C-alpha atoms as a PDB file:
ATOM      1  CA  MET A   1     204.288  98.747 324.494  1.00  0.00           C
ATOM      2  CA  ARG A   2     207.596  97.369 323.658  1.00  0.00           C
ATOM      3  CA  VAL A   3     208.475  94.035 324.791  1.00  0.00           C
ATOM      4  CA  SER A   4     211.557  91.995 324.190  1.00  0.00           C
ATOM      5  CA  ARG A   5     211.068  88.651 322.681  1.00  0.00           C
ATOM      6  CA  GLY A   6     212.223  86.022 324.958  1.00  0.00           C
ATOM      7  CA  PRO A   7     214.236  86.773 328.077  1.00  0.00           C
ATOM      8  CA  VAL A   8     213.518  84.304 330.846  1.00  0.00           C
ATOM      9  CA  ALA A   9     215.616  82.617 333.554  1.00  0.00           C
ATOM     10  CA  CYS A  10     218.609  84.593 334.680  1.00  0.00           C
ATOM     11  CA  ALA A  11     222.066  83.660 333.435  1.00  0.00           C
ATOM     12  CA  ALA A  12     225.345  85.251 332.490  1.00  0.00           C
ATOM     13  CA  LEU A  13     225.247  84.417 328.803  1.00  0.00           C
ATOM     14  CA  MET A  14     225.175  86.629 325.755  1.00  0.00           C
ATOM     15  CA  LEU A  15     221.878  86.853 324.000  1.00  0.00           C
ATOM     16  CA  LEU A  16     223.208  86.438 320.507  1.00  0.00           C
ATOM     17  CA  SER A  17     225.309  83.410 319.742  1.00  0.00           C
ATOM     18  CA  THR A  18     226.947  85.316 316.897  1.00  0.00           C
ATOM     19  CA  ALA A  19     228.100  88.166 319.138  1.00  0.00           C
ATOM     20  CA  ALA A  20     231.515  87.596 320.678  1.00  0.00           C
ATOM     21  CA  ALA A  21     232.088  88.929 324.175  1.00  0.00           C
ATOM     22  CA  LEU A  22     234.697  91.632 324.453  1.00  0.00           C
ATOM     23  CA  ARG A  23     237.527  91.176 326.925  1.00  0.00           C
ATOM     24  CA  SER A  24     237.790  93.544 329.853  1.00  0.00           C
ATOM     25  CA  GLU A  25     240.745  95.880 329.903  1.00  0.00           C
ATOM     26  CA  PRO A  26     242.700  97.067 332.923  1.00  0.00           C
ATOM     27  CA  ILE A  27     242.562 100.522 334.409  1.00  0.00           C
ATOM     28  CA  ARG A  28     244.764 102.888 332.390  1.00  0.00           C
ATOM     29  CA  LEU A  29     246.273 106.260 333.199  1.00  0.00           C
ATOM     30  CA  SER A  30     245.220 109.360 331.302  1.00  0.00           C
ATOM     31  CA  ARG A  31     247.712 112.015 330.268  1.00  0.00           C
ATOM     32  CA  SER A  32     246.885 113.889 333.434  1.00  0.00           C
ATOM     33  CA  GLY A  33     247.839 110.858 335.495  1.00  0.00           C
ATOM     34  CA  ALA A  34     244.266 110.178 336.625  1.00  0.00           C
ATOM     35  CA  PRO A  35     243.210 106.566 336.277  1.00  0.00           C
ATOM     36  CA  LYS A  36     240.980 105.888 333.303  1.00  0.00           C
ATOM     37  CA  LEU A  37     238.338 103.254 333.947  1.00  0.00           C
ATOM     38  CA  ARG A  38     237.787 101.094 330.887  1.00  0.00           C
ATOM     39  CA  ALA A  39     235.046  98.474 330.693  1.00  0.00           C
ATOM     40  CA  SER A  40     235.908  96.805 327.414  1.00  0.00           C
ATOM     41  CA  ALA A  41     237.571  97.106 324.034  1.00  0.00           C
ATOM     42  CA  GLY A  42     234.182  98.037 322.585  1.00  0.00           C
ATOM     43  CA  ALA A  43     233.769 100.791 325.118  1.00  0.00           C
ATOM     44  CA  ALA A  44     237.236 102.071 324.342  1.00  0.00           C
ATOM     45  CA  HIS A  45     236.378 102.159 320.648  1.00  0.00           C
ATOM     46  CA  ALA A  46     233.401 104.385 321.452  1.00  0.00           C
ATOM     47  CA  ASN A  47     235.370 106.600 323.839  1.00  0.00           C
ATOM     48  CA  ALA A  48     233.296 105.231 326.691  1.00  0.00           C
ATOM     49  CA  THR A  49     235.917 106.019 329.275  1.00  0.00           C
ATOM     50  CA  PHE A  50     235.510 107.789 332.591  1.00  0.00           C
ATOM     51  CA  CYS A  51     238.151 109.162 334.962  1.00  0.00           C
ATOM     52  CA  SER A  52     236.227 108.063 338.039  1.00  0.00           C
ATOM     53  CA  LYS A  53     233.123 106.266 339.163  1.00  0.00           C
ATOM     54  CA  GLU A  54     231.635 109.598 340.182  1.00  0.00           C
ATOM     55  CA  GLU A  55     232.048 110.884 336.627  1.00  0.00           C
ATOM     56  CA  ALA A  56     230.423 107.727 335.274  1.00  0.00           C
ATOM     57  CA  PHE A  57     227.428 107.967 337.597  1.00  0.00           C
ATOM     58  CA  ALA A  58     227.015 111.676 336.841  1.00  0.00           C
ATOM     59  CA  TRP A  59     226.960 110.903 333.103  1.00  0.00           C
ATOM     60  CA  ALA A  60     224.230 108.309 333.595  1.00  0.00           C
ATOM     61  CA  LYS A  61     222.084 110.953 335.311  1.00  0.00           C
ATOM     62  CA  LYS A  62     222.528 113.338 332.358  1.00  0.00           C
ATOM     63  CA  ASP A  63     221.971 110.724 329.663  1.00  0.00           C
ATOM     64  CA  HIS A  64     218.667 111.055 327.808  1.00  0.00           C
ATOM     65  CA  ARG A  65     216.836 107.983 329.031  1.00  0.00           C
ATOM     66  CA  ARG A  66     213.269 106.787 328.894  1.00  0.00           C
ATOM     67  CA  LEU A  67     211.490 103.492 329.492  1.00  0.00           C
ATOM     68  CA  LEU A  68     210.655 102.346 325.956  1.00  0.00           C
ATOM     69  CA  HIS A  69     208.836  99.044 326.312  1.00  0.00           C
ATOM     70  CA  VAL A  70     208.435  95.948 328.455  1.00  0.00           C
ATOM     71  CA  VAL A  71     208.758  92.535 326.841  1.00  0.00           C
ATOM     72  CA  TYR A  72     207.123  89.286 327.882  1.00  0.00           C
ATOM     73  CA  ARG A  73     205.868  86.009 326.431  1.00  0.00           C
ATOM     74  CA  VAL A  74     202.296  84.883 325.887  1.00  0.00           C
ATOM     75  CA  GLY A  75     200.746  81.581 324.839  1.00  0.00           C
ATOM     76  CA  ASP A  76     198.149  82.923 322.390  1.00  0.00           C
ATOM     77  CA  ILE A  77     198.982  86.319 320.945  1.00  0.00           C
ATOM     78  CA  ASP A  78     195.611  86.938 319.265  1.00  0.00           C
ATOM     79  CA  ARG A  79     193.779  86.124 322.498  1.00  0.00           C
ATOM     80  CA  THR A  80     196.008  88.540 324.428  1.00  0.00           C
ATOM     81  CA  ILE A  81     195.638  91.298 321.837  1.00  0.00           C
ATOM     82  CA  LYS A  82     191.838  90.933 322.036  1.00  0.00           C
ATOM     83  CA  PHE A  83     191.913  91.165 325.841  1.00  0.00           C
ATOM     84  CA  TYR A  84     194.232  94.187 325.917  1.00  0.00           C
ATOM     85  CA  THR A  85     192.294  96.145 323.298  1.00  0.00           C
ATOM     86  CA  GLU A  86     188.769  95.291 324.459  1.00  0.00           C
ATOM     87  CA  CYS A  87     189.291  95.156 328.228  1.00  0.00           C
ATOM     88  CA  LEU A  88     192.268  97.420 328.915  1.00  0.00           C
ATOM     89  CA  GLY A  89     191.645  99.960 326.155  1.00  0.00           C
ATOM     90  CA  MET A  90     195.050  99.600 324.494  1.00  0.00           C
ATOM     91  CA  LYS A  91     195.639 100.002 320.774  1.00  0.00           C
ATOM     92  CA  LEU A  92     197.455  97.502 318.583  1.00  0.00           C
ATOM     93  CA  LEU A  93     200.366  99.605 317.339  1.00  0.00           C
ATOM     94  CA  ARG A  94     202.149  96.976 315.314  1.00  0.00           C
ATOM     95  CA  LYS A  95     202.225  93.220 314.724  1.00  0.00           C
ATOM     96  CA  ARG A  96     204.893  91.205 312.941  1.00  0.00           C
ATOM     97  CA  ASP A  97     205.391  87.536 312.194  1.00  0.00           C
ATOM     98  CA  ILE A  98     208.932  86.190 311.784  1.00  0.00           C
ATOM     99  CA  PRO A  99     208.470  82.631 310.452  1.00  0.00           C
ATOM    100  CA  GLU A 100     212.191  82.030 309.943  1.00  0.00           C
ATOM    101  CA  GLU A 101     212.726  82.636 313.659  1.00  0.00           C
ATOM    102  CA  LYS A 102     209.412  80.956 314.586  1.00  0.00           C
ATOM    103  CA  TYR A 103     207.897  83.780 316.600  1.00  0.00           C
ATOM    104  CA  THR A 104     205.357  86.593 316.338  1.00  0.00           C
ATOM    105  CA  ASN A 105     205.426  89.857 318.241  1.00  0.00           C
ATOM    106  CA  ALA A 106     202.952  92.663 318.784  1.00  0.00           C
ATOM    107  CA  PHE A 107     203.299  96.141 320.250  1.00  0.00           C
ATOM    108  CA  LEU A 108     200.351  97.586 322.167  1.00  0.00           C
ATOM    109  CA  GLY A 109     199.884 100.726 324.194  1.00  0.00           C
ATOM    110  CA  TYR A 110     198.062 103.973 324.765  1.00  0.00           C
ATOM    111  CA  GLY A 111     200.044 106.184 322.401  1.00  0.00           C
ATOM    112  CA  ARG A 112     202.862 106.349 319.874  1.00  0.00           C
ATOM    113  CA  GLU A 113     205.979 104.351 320.641  1.00  0.00           C
ATOM    114  CA  ASP A 114     208.260 107.366 320.335  1.00  0.00           C
ATOM    115  CA  ALA A 115     206.491 109.081 323.228  1.00  0.00           C
ATOM    116  CA  HIS A 116     204.935 106.381 325.398  1.00  0.00           C
ATOM    117  CA  PHE A 117     205.860 103.270 327.316  1.00  0.00           C
ATOM    118  CA  VAL A 118     204.366 100.271 325.502  1.00  0.00           C
ATOM    119  CA  VAL A 119     204.039  96.480 325.725  1.00  0.00           C
ATOM    120  CA  GLU A 120     205.778  94.085 323.390  1.00  0.00           C
ATOM    121  CA  LEU A 121     204.205  90.638 323.367  1.00  0.00           C
ATOM    122  CA  THR A 122     206.095  87.631 322.065  1.00  0.00           C
ATOM    123  CA  TYR A 123     204.573  84.392 320.907  1.00  0.00           C
ATOM    124  CA  ASN A 124     206.990  81.540 320.199  1.00  0.00           C
ATOM    125  CA  TYR A 125     205.576  78.953 317.826  1.00  0.00           C
ATOM    126  CA  GLY A 126     204.174  75.923 319.621  1.00  0.00           C
ATOM    127  CA  VAL A 127     204.560  77.276 323.176  1.00  0.00           C
ATOM    128  CA  ASP A 128     201.196  77.919 324.806  1.00  0.00           C
ATOM    129  CA  LYS A 129     202.151  78.242 328.461  1.00  0.00           C
ATOM    130  CA  TYR A 130     204.889  79.872 330.540  1.00  0.00           C
ATOM    131  CA  ASP A 131     205.870  80.031 334.191  1.00  0.00           C
ATOM    132  CA  ILE A 132     205.536  83.614 335.455  1.00  0.00           C
ATOM    133  CA  GLY A 133     207.450  82.838 338.635  1.00  0.00           C
ATOM    134  CA  ALA A 134     207.343  84.635 341.972  1.00  0.00           C
ATOM    135  CA  GLY A 135     209.742  87.487 341.186  1.00  0.00           C
ATOM    136  CA  PHE A 136     207.562  89.361 338.715  1.00  0.00           C
ATOM    137  CA  GLY A 137     204.805  91.314 340.428  1.00  0.00           C
ATOM    138  CA  HIS A 138     202.452  93.197 338.134  1.00  0.00           C
ATOM    139  CA  PHE A 139     201.980  95.938 335.571  1.00  0.00           C
ATOM    140  CA  GLY A 140     200.214  99.159 336.501  1.00  0.00           C
ATOM    141  CA  ILE A 141     197.536 100.906 334.434  1.00  0.00           C
ATOM    142  CA  ALA A 142     196.294 104.358 335.432  1.00  0.00           C
ATOM    143  CA  THR A 143     192.706 105.213 334.635  1.00  0.00           C
ATOM    144  CA  ASP A 144     190.108 107.922 335.225  1.00  0.00           C
ATOM    145  CA  ASP A 145     187.611 105.482 336.740  1.00  0.00           C
ATOM    146  CA  VAL A 146     188.795 102.275 338.416  1.00  0.00           C
ATOM    147  CA  ALA A 147     185.285 100.969 339.090  1.00  0.00           C
ATOM    148  CA  LYS A 148     184.178 101.402 335.474  1.00  0.00           C
ATOM    149  CA  THR A 149     187.356  99.778 334.160  1.00  0.00           C
ATOM    150  CA  VAL A 150     186.882  96.782 336.447  1.00  0.00           C
ATOM    151  CA  GLU A 151     183.263  96.331 335.370  1.00  0.00           C
ATOM    152  CA  ILE A 152     184.266  96.407 331.689  1.00  0.00           C
ATOM    153  CA  ILE A 153     186.909  93.762 332.337  1.00  0.00           C
ATOM    154  CA  ARG A 154     184.421  91.618 334.253  1.00  0.00           C
ATOM    155  CA  ALA A 155     181.770  91.956 331.531  1.00  0.00           C
ATOM    156  CA  LYS A 156     184.304  90.804 328.929  1.00  0.00           C
ATOM    157  CA  GLY A 157     185.060  87.696 330.943  1.00  0.00           C
ATOM    158  CA  GLY A 158     188.220  88.979 332.597  1.00  0.00           C
ATOM    159  CA  LYS A 159     189.388  87.773 335.996  1.00  0.00           C
ATOM    160  CA  VAL A 160     189.180  90.294 338.853  1.00  0.00           C
ATOM    161  CA  THR A 161     191.481  89.132 341.645  1.00  0.00           C
ATOM    162  CA  ARG A 162     190.895  92.080 343.986  1.00  0.00           C
ATOM    163  CA  GLU A 163     187.871  94.321 343.875  1.00  0.00           C
ATOM    164  CA  TYR A 164     188.388  98.052 343.632  1.00  0.00           C
ATOM    165  CA  GLY A 165     188.771  99.958 346.878  1.00  0.00           C
ATOM    166  CA  THR A 166     191.286 101.894 348.924  1.00  0.00           C
ATOM    167  CA  VAL A 167     194.620 100.371 349.812  1.00  0.00           C
ATOM    168  CA  LYS A 168     194.934  99.380 353.472  1.00  0.00           C
ATOM    169  CA  GLY A 169     196.280 102.319 355.414  1.00  0.00           C
ATOM    170  CA  GLY A 170     196.005 104.668 352.428  1.00  0.00           C
ATOM    171  CA  LYS A 171     193.621 106.624 350.236  1.00  0.00           C
ATOM    172  CA  THR A 172     194.563 105.349 346.791  1.00  0.00           C
ATOM    173  CA  VAL A 173     191.801 103.450 344.962  1.00  0.00           C
ATOM    174  CA  THR A 174     193.053 100.362 343.135  1.00  0.00           C
ATOM    175  CA  ALA A 175     191.971  96.955 341.872  1.00  0.00           C
ATOM    176  CA  PHE A 176     193.805  93.907 340.540  1.00  0.00           C
ATOM    177  CA  ILE A 177     192.969  91.804 337.487  1.00  0.00           C
ATOM    178  CA  GLU A 178     194.677  89.024 335.528  1.00  0.00           C
ATOM    179  CA  ASP A 179     195.103  88.663 331.784  1.00  0.00           C
ATOM    180  CA  PRO A 180     194.599  85.304 329.997  1.00  0.00           C
ATOM    181  CA  ASP A 181     198.217  84.280 330.648  1.00  0.00           C
ATOM    182  CA  GLY A 182     198.072  85.057 334.357  1.00  0.00           C
ATOM    183  CA  TYR A 183     199.964  88.369 334.309  1.00  0.00           C
ATOM    184  CA  LYS A 184     198.594  90.646 337.016  1.00  0.00           C
ATOM    185  CA  PHE A 185     197.593  94.271 336.384  1.00  0.00           C
ATOM    186  CA  GLU A 186     196.985  96.853 339.076  1.00  0.00           C
ATOM    187  CA  ILE A 187     194.323  99.345 337.994  1.00  0.00           C
ATOM    188  CA  LEU A 188     195.125 102.712 339.581  1.00  0.00           C
ATOM    189  CA  ASP A 189     192.948 105.761 340.073  1.00  0.00           C
ATOM    190  CA  ARG A 190     194.881 108.547 338.355  1.00  0.00           C
ATOM    191  CA  PRO A 191     192.657 110.883 336.307  1.00  0.00           C
ATOM    192  CA  GLY A 192     194.231 112.774 333.429  1.00  0.00           C
ATOM    193  CA  THR A 193     197.512 110.880 333.342  1.00  0.00           C
ATOM    194  CA  ARG A 194     199.613 111.137 330.183  1.00  0.00           C
ATOM    195  CA  GLU A 195     201.121 107.672 330.694  1.00  0.00           C
ATOM    196  CA  PRO A 196     198.381 105.075 331.336  1.00  0.00           C
ATOM    197  CA  LEU A 197     200.821 102.150 331.228  1.00  0.00           C
ATOM    198  CA  CYS A 198     202.532 103.518 334.289  1.00  0.00           C
ATOM    199  CA  GLN A 199     204.365 100.813 336.185  1.00  0.00           C
ATOM    200  CA  VAL A 200     206.254  97.512 336.237  1.00  0.00           C
ATOM    201  CA  MET A 201     206.603  95.892 339.659  1.00  0.00           C
ATOM    202  CA  LEU A 202     209.557  93.568 340.327  1.00  0.00           C
ATOM    203  CA  ARG A 203     210.525  91.916 343.605  1.00  0.00           C
ATOM    204  CA  VAL A 204     214.086  92.232 344.917  1.00  0.00           C
ATOM    205  CA  GLY A 205     216.047  90.613 347.728  1.00  0.00           C
ATOM    206  CA  ASP A 206     217.852  93.700 349.004  1.00  0.00           C
ATOM    207  CA  LEU A 207     215.986  96.963 348.458  1.00  0.00           C
ATOM    208  CA  ASP A 208     218.753  99.375 349.449  1.00  0.00           C
ATOM    209  CA  ARG A 209     221.200  97.591 347.145  1.00  0.00           C
ATOM    210  CA  ALA A 210     218.691  97.704 344.298  1.00  0.00           C
ATOM    211  CA  ILE A 211     217.935 101.413 344.819  1.00  0.00           C
ATOM    212  CA  SER A 212     221.629 102.266 344.782  1.00  0.00           C
ATOM    213  CA  PHE A 213     222.174 100.265 341.599  1.00  0.00           C
ATOM    214  CA  TYR A 214     219.212 101.774 339.754  1.00  0.00           C
ATOM    215  CA  GLU A 215     220.359 105.269 340.721  1.00  0.00           C
ATOM    216  CA  LYS A 216     223.982 104.762 339.682  1.00  0.00           C
ATOM    217  CA  ALA A 217     223.836 102.303 336.794  1.00  0.00           C
ATOM    218  CA  TYR A 218     220.492 103.262 335.269  1.00  0.00           C
ATOM    219  CA  GLY A 219     220.526 106.936 336.219  1.00  0.00           C
ATOM    220  CA  MET A 220     217.058 106.732 337.760  1.00  0.00           C
ATOM    221  CA  GLU A 221     215.677 108.780 340.625  1.00  0.00           C
ATOM    222  CA  LEU A 222     214.188 107.401 343.809  1.00  0.00           C
ATOM    223  CA  LEU A 223     210.735 108.944 343.484  1.00  0.00           C
ATOM    224  CA  ARG A 224     209.161 107.427 346.558  1.00  0.00           C
ATOM    225  CA  LYS A 225     209.877 104.829 349.232  1.00  0.00           C
ATOM    226  CA  GLN A 226     207.244 103.425 351.538  1.00  0.00           C
ATOM    227  CA  ASP A 227     207.473 100.829 354.286  1.00  0.00           C
ATOM    228  CA  ASN A 228     204.467  98.730 355.240  1.00  0.00           C
ATOM    229  CA  PRO A 229     205.393  96.851 358.433  1.00  0.00           C
ATOM    230  CA  ARG A 230     201.862  95.574 358.895  1.00  0.00           C
ATOM    231  CA  ASN A 231     202.050  93.586 355.683  1.00  0.00           C
ATOM    232  CA  LYS A 232     205.821  93.115 355.934  1.00  0.00           C
ATOM    233  CA  TYR A 233     207.030  94.731 352.728  1.00  0.00           C
ATOM    234  CA  THR A 234     208.713  97.915 351.498  1.00  0.00           C
ATOM    235  CA  VAL A 235     208.394  99.480 348.045  1.00  0.00           C
ATOM    236  CA  ALA A 236     210.540 101.969 346.156  1.00  0.00           C
ATOM    237  CA  LEU A 237     209.478 103.694 342.949  1.00  0.00           C
ATOM    238  CA  MET A 238     212.313 104.393 340.518  1.00  0.00           C
ATOM    239  CA  GLY A 239     212.087 106.355 337.282  1.00  0.00           C
ATOM    240  CA  TYR A 240     213.132 109.192 335.018  1.00  0.00           C
ATOM    241  CA  GLY A 241     210.513 111.700 336.061  1.00  0.00           C
ATOM    242  CA  PRO A 242     207.380 112.208 338.205  1.00  0.00           C
ATOM    243  CA  GLU A 243     205.267 109.056 338.429  1.00  0.00           C
ATOM    244  CA  ASP A 244     202.114 110.922 337.379  1.00  0.00           C
ATOM    245  CA  ARG A 245     203.720 111.668 334.012  1.00  0.00           C
ATOM    246  CA  ASN A 246     206.152 108.821 333.412  1.00  0.00           C
ATOM    247  CA  ALA A 247     206.273 105.047 333.603  1.00  0.00           C
ATOM    248  CA  VAL A 248     208.215 103.810 336.636  1.00  0.00           C
ATOM    249  CA  VAL A 249     209.726 100.629 338.040  1.00  0.00           C
ATOM    250  CA  GLU A 250     208.338  99.620 341.417  1.00  0.00           C
ATOM    251  CA  LEU A 251     210.842  97.578 343.415  1.00  0.00           C
ATOM    252  CA  THR A 252     209.291  95.526 346.222  1.00  0.00           C
ATOM    253  CA  TYR A 253     211.103  93.909 349.136  1.00  0.00           C
ATOM    254  CA  LYS A 254     209.222  91.352 351.233  1.00  0.00           C
ATOM    255  CA  TYR A 255     210.653  90.996 354.715  1.00  0.00           C
ATOM    256  CA  GLY A 256     213.054  88.081 354.947  1.00  0.00           C
ATOM    257  CA  VAL A 257     212.910  87.033 351.281  1.00  0.00           C
ATOM    258  CA  ALA A 258     216.309  87.309 349.585  1.00  0.00           C
ATOM    259  CA  LYS A 259     215.722  85.455 346.330  1.00  0.00           C
ATOM    260  CA  TYR A 260     212.892  84.734 343.890  1.00  0.00           C
ATOM    261  CA  ASP A 261     212.165  82.252 341.127  1.00  0.00           C
ATOM    262  CA  LYS A 262     211.803  84.315 337.958  1.00  0.00           C
ATOM    263  CA  GLY A 263     210.162  81.685 335.806  1.00  0.00           C
ATOM    264  CA  ASN A 264     210.415  81.959 332.017  1.00  0.00           C
ATOM    265  CA  ALA A 265     207.572  84.291 331.039  1.00  0.00           C
ATOM    266  CA  TYR A 266     208.597  87.863 331.890  1.00  0.00           C
ATOM    267  CA  GLY A 267     211.377  89.162 329.674  1.00  0.00           C
ATOM    268  CA  GLN A 268     212.909  92.572 330.075  1.00  0.00           C
ATOM    269  CA  ILE A 269     212.561  96.323 329.999  1.00  0.00           C
ATOM    270  CA  ALA A 270     214.065  98.349 327.160  1.00  0.00           C
ATOM    271  CA  ILE A 271     215.526 101.774 327.974  1.00  0.00           C
ATOM    272  CA  GLY A 272     216.722 104.431 325.530  1.00  0.00           C
ATOM    273  CA  THR A 273     220.245 105.850 325.845  1.00  0.00           C
ATOM    274  CA  ASP A 274     222.530 108.204 323.925  1.00  0.00           C
ATOM    275  CA  ASN A 275     225.516 105.845 324.212  1.00  0.00           C
ATOM    276  CA  VAL A 276     225.291 102.088 324.739  1.00  0.00           C
ATOM    277  CA  TYR A 277     229.071 101.815 325.235  1.00  0.00           C
ATOM    278  CA  LYS A 278     229.170 104.277 328.107  1.00  0.00           C
ATOM    279  CA  THR A 279     226.033 102.734 329.556  1.00  0.00           C
ATOM    280  CA  ALA A 280     227.611  99.281 329.650  1.00  0.00           C
ATOM    281  CA  GLU A 281     230.692 100.711 331.347  1.00  0.00           C
ATOM    282  CA  VAL A 282     228.602 102.440 334.006  1.00  0.00           C
ATOM    283  CA  VAL A 283     226.719  99.214 334.675  1.00  0.00           C
ATOM    284  CA  LYS A 284     229.986  97.340 335.208  1.00  0.00           C
ATOM    285  CA  LEU A 285     231.333 100.045 337.491  1.00  0.00           C
ATOM    286  CA  SER A 286     228.091  99.783 339.473  1.00  0.00           C
ATOM    287  CA  GLY A 287     228.541  96.073 340.036  1.00  0.00           C
ATOM    288  CA  GLY A 288     226.041  94.962 337.401  1.00  0.00           C
ATOM    289  CA  GLN A 289     226.550  92.312 334.746  1.00  0.00           C
ATOM    290  CA  VAL A 290     226.672  92.962 331.003  1.00  0.00           C
ATOM    291  CA  VAL A 291     225.318  89.882 329.237  1.00  0.00           C
ATOM    292  CA  ARG A 292     225.455  91.340 325.756  1.00  0.00           C
ATOM    293  CA  GLU A 293     228.396  93.659 325.121  1.00  0.00           C
ATOM    294  CA  PRO A 294     227.502  96.996 323.498  1.00  0.00           C
ATOM    295  CA  GLY A 295     227.563  97.248 319.726  1.00  0.00           C
ATOM    296  CA  PRO A 296     225.477  96.960 316.563  1.00  0.00           C
ATOM    297  CA  LEU A 297     223.388  93.883 315.934  1.00  0.00           C
ATOM    298  CA  PRO A 298     224.580  91.802 312.952  1.00  0.00           C
ATOM    299  CA  GLY A 299     222.538  92.526 309.846  1.00  0.00           C
ATOM    300  CA  ILE A 300     220.571  95.305 311.534  1.00  0.00           C
ATOM    301  CA  GLY A 301     223.043  97.902 312.759  1.00  0.00           C
ATOM    302  CA  THR A 302     221.020  98.942 315.788  1.00  0.00           C
ATOM    303  CA  LYS A 303     223.321  99.413 318.766  1.00  0.00           C
ATOM    304  CA  ILE A 304     222.256  97.804 322.034  1.00  0.00           C
ATOM    305  CA  THR A 305     223.602  96.387 325.251  1.00  0.00           C
ATOM    306  CA  SER A 306     221.876  93.965 327.649  1.00  0.00           C
ATOM    307  CA  VAL A 307     222.514  93.936 331.388  1.00  0.00           C
ATOM    308  CA  LEU A 308     221.437  92.293 334.633  1.00  0.00           C
ATOM    309  CA  ASP A 309     220.906  94.076 337.925  1.00  0.00           C
ATOM    310  CA  PRO A 310     222.077  92.538 341.237  1.00  0.00           C
ATOM    311  CA  ASP A 311     218.825  90.564 341.507  1.00  0.00           C
ATOM    312  CA  GLY A 312     219.167  89.178 337.998  1.00  0.00           C
ATOM    313  CA  TRP A 313     216.513  91.398 336.387  1.00  0.00           C
ATOM    314  CA  LYS A 314     217.438  92.073 332.806  1.00  0.00           C
ATOM    315  CA  THR A 315     217.474  95.409 330.961  1.00  0.00           C
ATOM    316  CA  VAL A 316     218.063  95.923 327.266  1.00  0.00           C
ATOM    317  CA  LEU A 317     219.277  99.238 325.918  1.00  0.00           C
ATOM    318  CA  PRO A 318     218.323  98.721 322.287  1.00  0.00           C
ATOM    319  CA  CYS A 319     218.211 100.839 319.211  1.00  0.00           C
ATOM    320  CA  SER A 320     215.228  99.208 317.573  1.00  0.00           C
ATOM    321  CA  HIS A 321     212.153  97.096 318.108  1.00  0.00           C
ATOM    322  CA  HIS A 322     213.386  94.466 315.657  1.00  0.00           C
ATOM    323  CA  ALA A 323     216.594  94.246 317.617  1.00  0.00           C
ATOM    324  CA  SER A 324     214.857  93.470 320.876  1.00  0.00           C
ATOM    325  CA  SER A 325     212.675  90.869 319.205  1.00  0.00           C
ATOM    326  CA  ILE A 326     215.644  88.972 317.837  1.00  0.00           C
ATOM    327  CA  ILE A 327     217.461  89.182 321.141  1.00  0.00           C
ATOM    328  CA  ALA A 328     214.584  87.842 323.148  1.00  0.00           C
ATOM    329  CA  HIS A 329     213.841  84.998 320.810  1.00  0.00           C
ATOM    330  CA  ARG A 330     217.437  83.861 320.417  1.00  0.00           C
ATOM    331  CA  ALA A 331     217.977  84.129 324.133  1.00  0.00           C
ATOM    332  CA  GLU A 332     215.253  81.576 324.646  1.00  0.00           C
ATOM    333  CA  THR A 333     216.796  79.167 322.157  1.00  0.00           C
ATOM    334  CA  GLN A 334     220.056  79.266 324.105  1.00  0.00           C
ATOM    335  CA  ILE A 335     219.232  79.895 327.751  1.00  0.00           C
ATOM    336  CA  CYS A 336     216.531  81.626 329.726  1.00  0.00           C
ATOM    337  CA  LEU A 337     217.490  85.191 330.581  1.00  0.00           C
ATOM    338  CA  CYS A 338     214.745  86.682 332.659  1.00  0.00           C
ATOM    339  CA  GLY A 339     214.358  90.209 333.855  1.00  0.00           C
ATOM    340  CA  MET A 340     217.263  91.434 331.770  1.00  0.00           C
ATOM    341  CA  GLN A 341     217.400  95.143 330.925  1.00  0.00           C
ATOM    342  CA  VAL A 342     218.255  96.305 327.418  1.00  0.00           C
ATOM    343  CA  PHE A 343     219.550  99.769 326.550  1.00  0.00           C
ATOM    344  CA  VAL A 344     218.866 100.958 323.012  1.00  0.00           C
ATOM    345  CA  ASP A 345     220.635 103.744 321.139  1.00  0.00           C
ATOM    346  CA  ASN A 346     218.220 106.691 320.889  1.00  0.00           C
ATOM    347  CA  ILE A 347     219.232 107.705 317.353  1.00  0.00           C
ATOM    348  CA  ASP A 348     219.009 104.161 316.029  1.00  0.00           C
ATOM    349  CA  PHE A 349     215.658 103.726 317.738  1.00  0.00           C
ATOM    350  CA  ALA A 350     214.278 106.882 316.086  1.00  0.00           C
ATOM    351  CA  LYS A 351     215.511 105.638 312.711  1.00  0.00           C
ATOM    352  CA  GLU A 352     213.791 102.314 313.254  1.00  0.00           C
ATOM    353  CA  LEU A 353     210.503 104.017 314.118  1.00  0.00           C
ATOM    354  CA  GLY A 354     210.821 106.203 311.030  1.00  0.00           C
ATOM    355  CA  SER A 355     211.538 103.192 308.866  1.00  0.00           C
ATOM    356  CA  HIS A 356     208.490 101.399 310.231  1.00  0.00           C
ATOM    357  CA  ALA A 357     206.278 104.443 309.598  1.00  0.00           C
ATOM    358  CA  HIS A 358     207.164 104.372 305.895  1.00  0.00           C
ATOM    359  CA  HIS A 359     206.086 100.733 305.450  1.00  0.00           C
END
């Protein structure tokens, strides 16, 4: 799975110290007299201009997007790889050490990176412990047999935090376990799924605001919303296709809780896009924050943009795995950006995968 290197506490700073922020431009009039909404000089350069917010939001819905990978930090990468492969049944897809930047990353998942949602683990030299915080919830793994999966995890020395059984008030069979770093995983009963790494759960302070933002800025669909007054929480599943075939983001609102500590462990989600410039503009028009203006990464060429949602969760829209690694690591050396989302150029991402396959 893809994981960015080092996003942690939320802040409005650019990830790369070498990347200069582009100044916002005012609304301009098109030849037809309709106002042209411009997000930045970079967006203008890429023709990332819309005549209205409606046009911008419609474009986001049509953009070819997919959850690429989720990035987070671990204290012992070999220990985590062993746990994920032996207990969770993942495969080590790739591992790379970057001594000049003092970090190592590894991609793990249940299928090829060009077709599946994967995990990207980051180990920063000399750091063996992180604060997960209260905002991050859990990852979801779909399996054919929850009971068997739990017993394998237990036999391997894994920590089972909730035994398998049906959810209160429902019929779904689940269980919860923890990895060696304390990240929680929900094991879900979903036979025959094509996307075993199926979910990332994040807590938000205003669910309706978050749903609206994810629909408009990220172009996602509200797949399901469920209120649980007995346990005082509401969840909304957001994604780019049916949850039985695609990885989704589960947004959770706990009654009366408006803000969460995000710690410094969880990083970001990377999402593919056809145009990082237009994506950044849509995010701004949706009220989100662009913390890394769209454009190619120095020395790499992969086009990305990094953004924060209204709750401070980060997304990166990158064009390559190497790009997200550098971003995450350098972010940590400057300031903790947690939960950021990164959008990655689809063409650049495909090139990066092809380049890796030839090595």
